[in-house]
Amino acid sequence: MLGLEDILYLFLDTLGAHAVLVIFLFAVMDERGWQRLKKLPVLLISPLTATALELSLRAAIPGAWTICYCISSCAILLICTLWVRWAWRIGSCQAFAAVCMAGILQVAASCLSMLFIKIPLNGVLQYVVEYTAILAAAALLYRLRFGAWFRLLLENEPGQRCTALLIFALEAAMEAFFILQRGIQPEYLAAYYLLAVTMAALTAGLVTYLARQFDAARKMEAQRDVIAQQQLYERDLDDIRREVRAFRHDYKNLLAGLSEQADEGELEDLRAALSKLDAGFDRHIGEKIRTSTQIGNLRIPQARSLLLSKLAYMGSKGIDCHLEVLYPVERVNMDIWDLTRCMGILLDNAAEAAAAAETPRVEIVLLAQGDWLSLRVSNPYAGAIDPNKLWTEGFSTKGEDRGLGLASYQRILARYANAASSTSWANGIFVQELTIGGRP
């Protein structure tokens, strides 16, 4: 039976471990302000819970230190993850990865403290030396911009889960190192602790390397996006120049016959011809300028690159494309690669159907309102459609061995409770609409 003094010692030991964890959490999250400190009192739930849990487990399973330690560590990991998610307002995977990374550094600090125990110092001075070393390590992480690289890695949405699982596996290995030190012979303990610290340093180096690779890939993708956008602008500028030359030619011909038309009293016909010419010129030029301008409102790089490539493809096939992105689209509550696959399927189907129409035209409307995003793609289609077979895999209005796109599209949307699709066909216009709401 543990006495009050033993319980207090256990709580203070757990509280000290949490203090070290928080120090490294601030370094990992690259926190440079003080506003998070106001939320620290809530984190006291974790050491209190961990102490109560460990006392209960010791009473229920006497002598099973390893089991008690593992269960207590899992409870601390869960509570700290929830606190980081609340304090920094980030996703669960990001918070979990941050706590695991801080846990790796905290275990390394615990191994260092074991080395300091061998130094003949009094209790207070020993704690001063230990925490000075911990603060120096955190300052070094700030100096090396480790937190900035770590947070950059967490921005890779498609790889967030894999990153969290990788760091959790490394953190579990570090915890195993800490547990196994109880069986190491005393003469090898110093080397063992240094090995654990080295493993933590290698983990930090791996995280930095992965973040740099992600940053390089993101910059490369941004460069490709800029090139594609420049190609679109150049193509539109060429079209505008041709329109201006044609407009000048037609306008001069009309003006050349002005005097003769005036003599014959046909000014009304001349006004109608000029109005028609002006309207056609404004429509074509305005469409090119509008497309070039509104593509900038789509601020999701992967989706913008896809849209640019599809616009270029439609232009090469002689398909008139009308694009509207009235408000900035900066995020969507769906995996970005699933969104691009859905967009690609809808745009490919619309382009193929429009190419066979008498007037090839595709209209694309992206509308963002708060957490909601709506994508509407429409195209002319003169054939007949059986709505009962539309979503059947393999069915297509374009022949056999086709029609896999919409079925795949439906399978993607089935994974998202916050996404819905609708289809309509009226007056020779086929319309596909995708709506993505807030978090499911």
Protein backbone atom coordinates (compact mmCIF):
# COMPACT_ATOMS: atom_id res chain seq x y z
CA MET A 1 0.00 0.00 0.00
CA LEU A 2 1.44 3.34 -1.09
CA GLY A 3 1.54 6.14 1.42
CA LEU A 4 0.64 9.79 0.83
CA GLU A 5 4.30 10.69 0.34
CA ASP A 6 4.68 8.01 -2.36
CA ILE A 7 1.53 9.21 -4.14
CA LEU A 8 2.75 12.81 -4.07
CA TYR A 9 6.15 11.75 -5.43
CA LEU A 10 4.47 9.79 -8.26
CA PHE A 11 2.31 12.80 -9.16
CA LEU A 12 5.26 15.21 -9.14
CA ASP A 13 7.30 12.80 -11.28
CA THR A 14 4.43 12.57 -13.79
CA LEU A 15 3.98 16.35 -13.69
CA GLY A 16 7.69 16.85 -14.42
CA ALA A 17 7.49 14.49 -17.39
CA HIS A 18 4.51 16.49 -18.71
CA ALA A 19 6.44 19.74 -18.28
CA VAL A 20 9.23 18.34 -20.47
CA LEU A 21 6.64 17.10 -22.98
CA VAL A 22 5.09 20.59 -23.17
CA ILE A 23 8.50 22.22 -23.70
CA PHE A 24 9.15 19.97 -26.69
CA LEU A 25 5.57 20.35 -27.91
CA PHE A 26 6.08 24.11 -28.17
CA ALA A 27 9.33 23.49 -30.09
CA VAL A 28 7.73 20.88 -32.38
CA MET A 29 4.78 23.17 -33.15
CA ASP A 30 7.14 26.12 -33.72
CA GLU A 31 5.13 28.13 -31.19
CA ARG A 32 6.61 31.59 -30.69
CA GLY A 33 3.79 33.34 -28.84
CA TRP A 34 2.43 33.05 -25.34
CA GLN A 35 -1.28 32.60 -26.00
CA ARG A 36 -1.10 28.79 -25.65
CA LEU A 37 0.17 29.18 -22.09
CA LYS A 38 -3.32 30.31 -21.06
CA LYS A 39 -4.60 26.86 -22.06
CA LEU A 40 -1.99 24.93 -20.05
CA PRO A 41 -4.11 24.57 -16.86
CA VAL A 42 -6.51 22.31 -18.78
CA LEU A 43 -3.59 19.94 -19.46
CA LEU A 44 -3.36 19.21 -15.71
CA ILE A 45 -6.08 16.64 -16.40
CA SER A 46 -3.40 14.46 -17.97
CA PRO A 47 -0.96 14.03 -15.02
CA LEU A 48 -3.87 13.70 -12.60
CA THR A 49 -5.47 11.01 -14.75
CA ALA A 50 -2.16 9.24 -15.35
CA THR A 51 -1.36 9.19 -11.61
CA ALA A 52 -4.81 7.88 -10.66
CA LEU A 53 -4.66 5.27 -13.41
CA GLU A 54 -1.20 4.06 -12.41
CA LEU A 55 -2.21 3.80 -8.75
CA SER A 56 -5.27 1.77 -9.72
CA LEU A 57 -3.24 -0.53 -11.96
CA ARG A 58 -0.57 -1.06 -9.32
CA ALA A 59 -3.28 -2.08 -6.88
CA ALA A 60 -4.99 -4.35 -9.41
CA ILE A 61 -1.82 -5.86 -10.96
CA PRO A 62 0.96 -5.78 -8.33
CA GLY A 63 4.47 -5.95 -9.76
CA ALA A 64 3.41 -5.47 -13.41
CA TRP A 65 5.38 -2.23 -13.90
CA THR A 66 5.64 -2.61 -17.68
CA ILE A 67 1.89 -3.06 -18.17
CA CYS A 68 1.14 -0.10 -15.89
CA TYR A 69 3.65 2.07 -17.76
CA CYS A 70 2.27 1.16 -21.21
CA ILE A 71 -1.37 1.76 -20.27
CA SER A 72 -0.51 5.02 -18.51
CA SER A 73 1.54 6.18 -21.53
CA CYS A 74 -1.38 5.45 -23.89
CA ALA A 75 -3.73 7.48 -21.67
CA ILE A 76 -1.27 10.39 -21.63
CA LEU A 77 -0.92 10.18 -25.43
CA LEU A 78 -4.69 10.32 -25.90
CA ILE A 79 -5.31 13.22 -23.48
CA CYS A 80 -2.39 15.26 -24.83
CA THR A 81 -3.56 14.69 -28.41
CA LEU A 82 -7.00 16.04 -27.53
CA TRP A 83 -5.40 19.03 -25.79
CA VAL A 84 -3.10 19.85 -28.74
CA ARG A 85 -6.04 19.51 -31.15
CA TRP A 86 -7.98 22.02 -29.03
CA ALA A 87 -5.09 24.38 -28.25
CA TRP A 88 -3.73 24.68 -31.80
CA ARG A 89 -7.04 24.01 -33.63
CA ILE A 90 -5.55 21.37 -35.93
CA GLY A 91 -6.69 17.97 -37.13
CA SER A 92 -6.52 14.78 -35.08
CA CYS A 93 -3.73 13.21 -37.19
CA GLN A 94 -1.65 16.38 -36.94
CA ALA A 95 -2.14 16.62 -33.17
CA PHE A 96 -1.35 12.92 -32.72
CA ALA A 97 1.86 13.22 -34.78
CA ALA A 98 2.94 16.31 -32.82
CA VAL A 99 2.45 14.59 -29.44
CA CYS A 100 4.32 11.48 -30.65
CA MET A 101 7.22 13.62 -31.90
CA ALA A 102 7.35 15.50 -28.59
CA GLY A 103 7.16 12.14 -26.81
CA ILE A 104 10.23 10.91 -28.69
CA LEU A 105 12.17 13.99 -27.57
CA GLN A 106 10.81 13.66 -24.03
CA VAL A 107 12.00 10.04 -23.75
CA ALA A 108 15.40 11.14 -25.06
CA ALA A 109 15.44 13.82 -22.36
CA SER A 110 14.56 11.16 -19.75
CA CYS A 111 17.53 9.10 -20.94
CA LEU A 112 19.75 12.16 -20.58
CA SER A 113 18.43 12.70 -17.05
CA MET A 114 19.50 9.15 -16.22
CA LEU A 115 23.01 10.18 -17.19
CA PHE A 116 22.80 13.25 -14.97
CA ILE A 117 21.86 11.05 -12.01
CA LYS A 118 25.38 9.61 -12.15
CA ILE A 119 26.80 13.13 -11.61
CA PRO A 120 27.44 13.81 -7.91
CA LEU A 121 25.18 16.84 -7.43
CA ASN A 122 22.64 17.75 -4.77
CA GLY A 123 18.94 17.37 -5.64
CA VAL A 124 18.15 21.00 -6.52
CA LEU A 125 21.30 21.53 -8.58
CA GLN A 126 20.69 18.27 -10.42
CA TYR A 127 17.19 19.43 -11.47
CA VAL A 128 18.64 22.77 -12.57
CA VAL A 129 21.23 21.03 -14.76
CA GLU A 130 18.62 18.65 -16.24
CA TYR A 131 16.10 21.35 -17.15
CA THR A 132 18.83 23.64 -18.46
CA ALA A 133 19.88 20.86 -20.83
CA ILE A 134 16.23 20.33 -21.88
CA LEU A 135 15.70 24.05 -22.54
CA ALA A 136 18.97 24.16 -24.49
CA ALA A 137 17.78 21.23 -26.63
CA ALA A 138 14.45 23.00 -27.28
CA ALA A 139 16.31 26.20 -28.17
CA LEU A 140 18.48 24.22 -30.60
CA LEU A 141 15.33 22.85 -32.26
CA TYR A 142 14.05 26.42 -32.67
CA ARG A 143 17.40 27.49 -34.05
CA LEU A 144 17.40 24.68 -36.61
CA ARG A 145 13.77 25.52 -37.59
CA PHE A 146 12.75 21.95 -36.82
CA GLY A 147 9.22 22.99 -35.83
CA ALA A 148 8.72 24.88 -39.11
CA TRP A 149 9.79 21.82 -41.12
CA PHE A 150 7.63 19.52 -38.98
CA ARG A 151 4.53 21.65 -39.45
CA LEU A 152 5.23 21.84 -43.17
CA LEU A 153 5.28 18.04 -43.29
CA LEU A 154 1.92 17.96 -41.49
CA GLU A 155 0.42 20.13 -44.24
CA ASN A 156 0.75 17.22 -46.66
CA GLU A 157 -2.92 16.19 -46.38
CA PRO A 158 -2.73 12.95 -48.41
CA GLY A 159 0.18 11.74 -46.25
CA GLN A 160 -0.96 12.94 -42.82
CA ARG A 161 -2.07 9.51 -41.62
CA CYS A 162 1.08 7.80 -42.88
CA THR A 163 3.23 10.47 -41.23
CA ALA A 164 1.36 10.08 -37.93
CA LEU A 165 1.68 6.28 -38.03
CA LEU A 166 5.41 6.48 -38.84
CA ILE A 167 6.13 8.87 -35.97
CA PHE A 168 3.95 6.78 -33.62
CA ALA A 169 5.97 3.66 -34.54
CA LEU A 170 9.22 5.53 -33.80
CA GLU A 171 7.79 6.84 -30.53
CA ALA A 172 6.75 3.29 -29.54
CA ALA A 173 10.31 2.13 -30.29
CA MET A 174 11.68 4.90 -28.06
CA GLU A 175 9.32 3.88 -25.25
CA ALA A 176 10.53 0.28 -25.69
CA PHE A 177 14.10 1.54 -25.34
CA PHE A 178 13.15 3.25 -22.09
CA ILE A 179 11.42 0.14 -20.74
CA LEU A 180 14.23 -2.24 -21.69
CA GLN A 181 16.85 -0.14 -19.90
CA ARG A 182 15.72 -1.86 -16.66
CA GLY A 183 17.41 -5.03 -17.91
CA ILE A 184 20.69 -3.47 -19.06
CA GLN A 185 23.78 -4.10 -16.95
CA PRO A 186 25.01 -0.94 -15.16
CA GLU A 187 28.29 -0.70 -17.07
CA TYR A 188 26.39 -0.46 -20.38
CA LEU A 189 23.71 2.00 -19.29
CA ALA A 190 25.58 5.14 -20.38
CA ALA A 191 26.10 3.77 -23.90
CA TYR A 192 22.47 2.60 -23.95
CA TYR A 193 21.16 6.05 -23.04
CA LEU A 194 23.38 7.68 -25.65
CA LEU A 195 22.01 5.21 -28.23
CA ALA A 196 18.45 6.26 -27.33
CA VAL A 197 19.38 9.94 -27.68
CA THR A 198 21.02 9.19 -31.04
CA MET A 199 17.85 7.46 -32.20
CA ALA A 200 15.82 10.56 -31.29
CA ALA A 201 18.28 12.75 -33.23
CA LEU A 202 18.02 10.45 -36.26
CA THR A 203 14.21 10.61 -36.04
CA ALA A 204 14.35 14.41 -36.05
CA GLY A 205 16.70 14.26 -39.03
CA LEU A 206 14.32 11.89 -40.88
CA VAL A 207 11.37 14.23 -40.25
CA THR A 208 13.37 17.20 -41.54
CA TYR A 209 14.44 15.25 -44.63
CA LEU A 210 10.86 14.19 -45.43
CA ALA A 211 9.66 17.77 -44.95
CA ARG A 212 12.33 19.07 -47.33
CA GLN A 213 11.33 16.46 -49.92
CA PHE A 214 7.68 17.46 -49.59
CA ASP A 215 8.64 21.14 -49.89
CA ALA A 216 10.65 20.43 -53.05
CA ALA A 217 7.78 18.42 -54.57
CA ARG A 218 5.31 21.18 -53.69
CA LYS A 219 7.51 23.84 -55.30
CA MET A 220 7.90 21.68 -58.41
CA GLU A 221 4.13 21.26 -58.61
CA ALA A 222 3.68 25.01 -58.19
CA GLN A 223 6.15 25.62 -61.03
CA ARG A 224 4.23 23.22 -63.29
CA ASP A 225 1.05 25.02 -62.34
CA VAL A 226 2.60 28.39 -63.23
CA ILE A 227 3.81 27.02 -66.57
CA ALA A 228 0.37 25.61 -67.37
CA GLN A 229 -1.24 28.91 -66.41
CA GLN A 230 1.22 30.85 -68.57
CA GLN A 231 0.45 28.54 -71.49
CA LEU A 232 -3.25 29.22 -71.00
CA TYR A 233 -2.62 32.98 -70.90
CA GLU A 234 -0.45 32.82 -74.03
CA ARG A 235 -3.06 30.80 -75.88
CA ASP A 236 -5.78 33.25 -74.82
CA LEU A 237 -3.62 36.22 -75.84
CA ASP A 238 -3.11 34.65 -79.28
CA ASP A 239 -6.88 34.19 -79.57
CA ILE A 240 -7.45 37.78 -78.48
CA ARG A 241 -4.96 39.07 -81.06
CA ARG A 242 -6.71 37.09 -83.81
CA GLU A 243 -10.08 38.39 -82.67
CA VAL A 244 -8.79 41.99 -82.72
CA ARG A 245 -7.35 41.58 -86.24
CA ALA A 246 -10.62 40.05 -87.50
CA PHE A 247 -12.60 42.79 -85.79
CA ARG A 248 -10.47 45.52 -87.42
CA HIS A 249 -10.84 43.88 -90.82
CA ASP A 250 -14.63 43.54 -90.55
CA TYR A 251 -15.04 46.99 -89.07
CA LYS A 252 -13.04 48.63 -91.89
CA ASN A 253 -15.13 46.85 -94.50
CA LEU A 254 -18.33 48.02 -92.86
CA LEU A 255 -17.10 51.61 -92.56
CA ALA A 256 -15.91 51.60 -96.16
CA GLY A 257 -19.47 51.06 -97.29
CA LEU A 258 -20.91 53.64 -94.90
CA SER A 259 -21.38 56.42 -97.44
CA GLU A 260 -23.02 54.15 -99.99
CA GLN A 261 -25.29 52.66 -97.31
CA ALA A 262 -26.21 56.19 -96.19
CA ASP A 263 -27.15 57.22 -99.71
CA GLU A 264 -29.41 54.25 -100.07
CA GLY A 265 -31.04 54.87 -96.69
CA GLU A 266 -29.93 51.59 -95.14
CA LEU A 267 -28.32 52.99 -91.96
CA GLU A 268 -30.59 50.80 -89.82
CA ASP A 269 -29.12 47.65 -91.37
CA LEU A 270 -25.63 49.07 -90.82
CA ARG A 271 -26.35 49.70 -87.12
CA ALA A 272 -27.59 46.12 -86.75
CA ALA A 273 -24.46 44.74 -88.41
CA LEU A 274 -22.18 46.86 -86.22
CA SER A 275 -24.08 45.85 -83.07
CA LYS A 276 -23.76 42.17 -84.00
CA LEU A 277 -20.04 42.60 -84.65
CA ASP A 278 -19.53 44.42 -81.34
CA ALA A 279 -21.48 41.77 -79.42
CA GLY A 280 -19.48 38.93 -80.97
CA PHE A 281 -16.20 40.70 -80.26
CA ASP A 282 -17.12 41.44 -76.64
CA ARG A 283 -18.29 37.88 -76.08
CA HIS A 284 -15.17 36.21 -77.40
CA ILE A 285 -12.69 38.62 -75.81
CA GLY A 286 -14.63 38.78 -72.55
CA GLU A 287 -14.72 34.98 -72.32
CA LYS A 288 -10.94 34.71 -72.69
CA ILE A 289 -10.27 37.44 -70.12
CA ARG A 290 -12.83 35.99 -67.69
CA THR A 291 -11.33 32.50 -67.90
CA SER A 292 -7.79 33.78 -67.40
CA THR A 293 -8.89 35.88 -64.42
CA GLN A 294 -11.17 33.43 -62.64
CA ILE A 295 -8.76 30.50 -62.77
CA GLY A 296 -6.80 32.41 -60.12
CA ASN A 297 -9.72 32.06 -57.68
CA LEU A 298 -9.13 28.31 -57.54
CA ARG A 299 -6.36 28.24 -54.93
CA ILE A 300 -6.02 24.49 -54.48
CA PRO A 301 -2.88 23.72 -56.54
CA GLN A 302 -3.78 20.13 -57.49
CA ALA A 303 -7.29 21.05 -58.63
CA ARG A 304 -6.06 24.16 -60.49
CA SER A 305 -3.42 22.15 -62.36
CA LEU A 306 -6.04 19.61 -63.39
CA LEU A 307 -8.44 22.32 -64.53
CA LEU A 308 -5.73 24.09 -66.54
CA SER A 309 -4.84 20.87 -68.35
CA LYS A 310 -8.50 20.13 -69.12
CA LEU A 311 -9.07 23.67 -70.42
CA ALA A 312 -6.03 23.32 -72.68
CA TYR A 313 -7.31 19.97 -73.93
CA MET A 314 -10.79 21.34 -74.66
CA GLY A 315 -9.29 24.32 -76.47
CA SER A 316 -7.22 22.00 -78.69
CA LYS A 317 -10.41 20.09 -79.59
CA GLY A 318 -12.30 23.26 -80.50
CA ILE A 319 -14.62 23.06 -77.50
CA ASP A 320 -15.82 26.41 -76.21
CA CYS A 321 -15.37 26.38 -72.43
CA HIS A 322 -17.08 28.80 -70.05
CA LEU A 323 -15.55 28.91 -66.55
CA GLU A 324 -16.91 30.66 -63.47
CA VAL A 325 -15.11 30.69 -60.11
CA LEU A 326 -16.83 33.65 -58.52
CA TYR A 327 -15.30 33.37 -55.03
CA PRO A 328 -11.89 32.10 -53.84
CA VAL A 329 -11.77 28.31 -53.36
CA GLU A 330 -9.06 27.68 -50.77
CA ARG A 331 -10.02 24.38 -49.12
CA VAL A 332 -12.45 21.52 -49.39
CA ASN A 333 -13.60 18.91 -46.86
CA MET A 334 -12.50 15.99 -49.01
CA ASP A 335 -9.19 14.33 -49.77
CA ILE A 336 -7.68 16.56 -52.46
CA TRP A 337 -6.75 13.63 -54.70
CA ASP A 338 -10.29 12.27 -54.51
CA LEU A 339 -11.55 15.73 -55.49
CA THR A 340 -9.24 15.88 -58.52
CA ARG A 341 -10.32 12.38 -59.60
CA CYS A 342 -13.98 13.41 -59.38
CA MET A 343 -13.32 16.63 -61.30
CA GLY A 344 -11.33 14.75 -63.94
CA ILE A 345 -14.13 12.22 -64.48
CA LEU A 346 -16.83 14.89 -64.83
CA LEU A 347 -14.74 17.10 -67.14
CA ASP A 348 -13.63 14.19 -69.34
CA ASN A 349 -17.22 13.01 -69.78
CA ALA A 350 -18.44 16.54 -70.53
CA ALA A 351 -15.65 17.20 -73.05
CA GLU A 352 -16.25 13.91 -74.89
CA ALA A 353 -19.99 14.49 -75.09
CA ALA A 354 -19.59 18.14 -76.12
CA ALA A 355 -17.13 17.24 -78.91
CA ALA A 356 -19.88 15.26 -80.63
CA ALA A 357 -22.45 18.08 -80.32
CA GLU A 358 -23.35 20.54 -83.06
CA THR A 359 -22.15 23.40 -80.83
CA PRO A 360 -19.28 22.09 -78.69
CA ARG A 361 -19.48 23.84 -75.35
CA VAL A 362 -18.78 23.01 -71.70
CA GLU A 363 -19.76 25.17 -68.74
CA ILE A 364 -17.89 24.80 -65.43
CA VAL A 365 -19.06 26.60 -62.30
CA LEU A 366 -17.24 26.38 -58.96
CA LEU A 367 -19.01 28.07 -56.06
CA ALA A 368 -17.54 28.23 -52.53
CA GLN A 369 -19.66 29.37 -49.60
CA GLY A 370 -18.13 28.88 -46.17
CA ASP A 371 -17.30 25.19 -45.73
CA TRP A 372 -19.41 24.24 -48.75
CA LEU A 373 -18.18 23.75 -52.30
CA SER A 374 -20.33 23.15 -55.35
CA LEU A 375 -19.04 22.01 -58.76
CA ARG A 376 -21.43 22.17 -61.73
CA VAL A 377 -20.45 20.82 -65.15
CA SER A 378 -22.85 21.02 -68.09
CA ASN A 379 -22.62 20.17 -71.77
CA PRO A 380 -24.98 19.74 -74.75
CA TYR A 381 -26.16 16.21 -75.47
CA ALA A 382 -28.76 15.38 -78.07
CA GLY A 383 -29.10 11.63 -77.44
CA ALA A 384 -31.33 9.74 -75.03
CA ILE A 385 -30.31 8.76 -71.50
CA ASP A 386 -31.74 5.99 -69.34
CA PRO A 387 -31.43 7.25 -65.75
CA ASN A 388 -31.80 3.70 -64.38
CA LYS A 389 -28.63 2.59 -66.18
CA LEU A 390 -26.58 5.75 -65.82
CA TRP A 391 -24.68 4.62 -62.71
CA THR A 392 -24.29 1.01 -63.80
CA GLU A 393 -20.64 0.03 -64.19
CA GLY A 394 -19.79 -0.50 -67.85
CA PHE A 395 -22.83 1.39 -69.16
CA SER A 396 -22.03 4.24 -71.53
CA THR A 397 -23.74 6.18 -74.26
CA LYS A 398 -20.44 6.01 -76.18
CA GLY A 399 -20.34 2.27 -76.78
CA GLU A 400 -19.05 -0.90 -75.17
CA ASP A 401 -16.12 -1.17 -72.74
CA ARG A 402 -16.77 2.37 -71.55
CA GLY A 403 -18.72 3.93 -68.72
CA LEU A 404 -16.32 3.09 -65.88
CA GLY A 405 -15.79 6.73 -64.94
CA LEU A 406 -19.15 7.54 -63.35
CA ALA A 407 -19.21 4.23 -61.46
CA SER A 408 -15.76 5.02 -60.07
CA TYR A 409 -17.00 8.52 -59.28
CA GLN A 410 -19.85 7.05 -57.25
CA ARG A 411 -17.50 4.74 -55.34
CA ILE A 412 -15.36 7.72 -54.34
CA LEU A 413 -18.37 9.71 -53.11
CA ALA A 414 -19.67 6.71 -51.15
CA ARG A 415 -16.75 7.21 -48.74
CA TYR A 416 -17.90 10.76 -47.86
CA ALA A 417 -21.07 11.35 -45.88
CA ASN A 418 -20.75 15.08 -46.55
CA ALA A 419 -20.67 14.76 -50.37
CA ALA A 420 -23.64 14.43 -52.72
CA SER A 421 -24.03 14.29 -56.49
CA SER A 422 -26.97 15.04 -58.75
CA THR A 423 -27.63 14.60 -62.45
CA SER A 424 -30.17 16.26 -64.72
CA TRP A 425 -30.90 16.24 -68.44
CA ALA A 426 -33.32 18.68 -70.04
CA ASN A 427 -33.60 20.58 -73.31
CA GLY A 428 -30.50 18.91 -74.71
CA ILE A 429 -28.26 19.94 -71.77
CA PHE A 430 -26.68 17.32 -69.53
CA VAL A 431 -25.75 18.63 -66.06
CA GLN A 432 -23.61 17.00 -63.38
CA GLU A 433 -23.35 18.64 -59.96
CA LEU A 434 -21.14 17.73 -56.99
CA THR A 435 -21.73 19.32 -53.57
CA ILE A 436 -19.29 18.93 -50.70
CA GLY A 437 -20.41 20.16 -47.29
CA GLY A 438 -18.72 20.65 -43.94
CA ARG A 439 -16.96 17.92 -42.01
CA PRO A 440 -18.97 14.66 -41.87
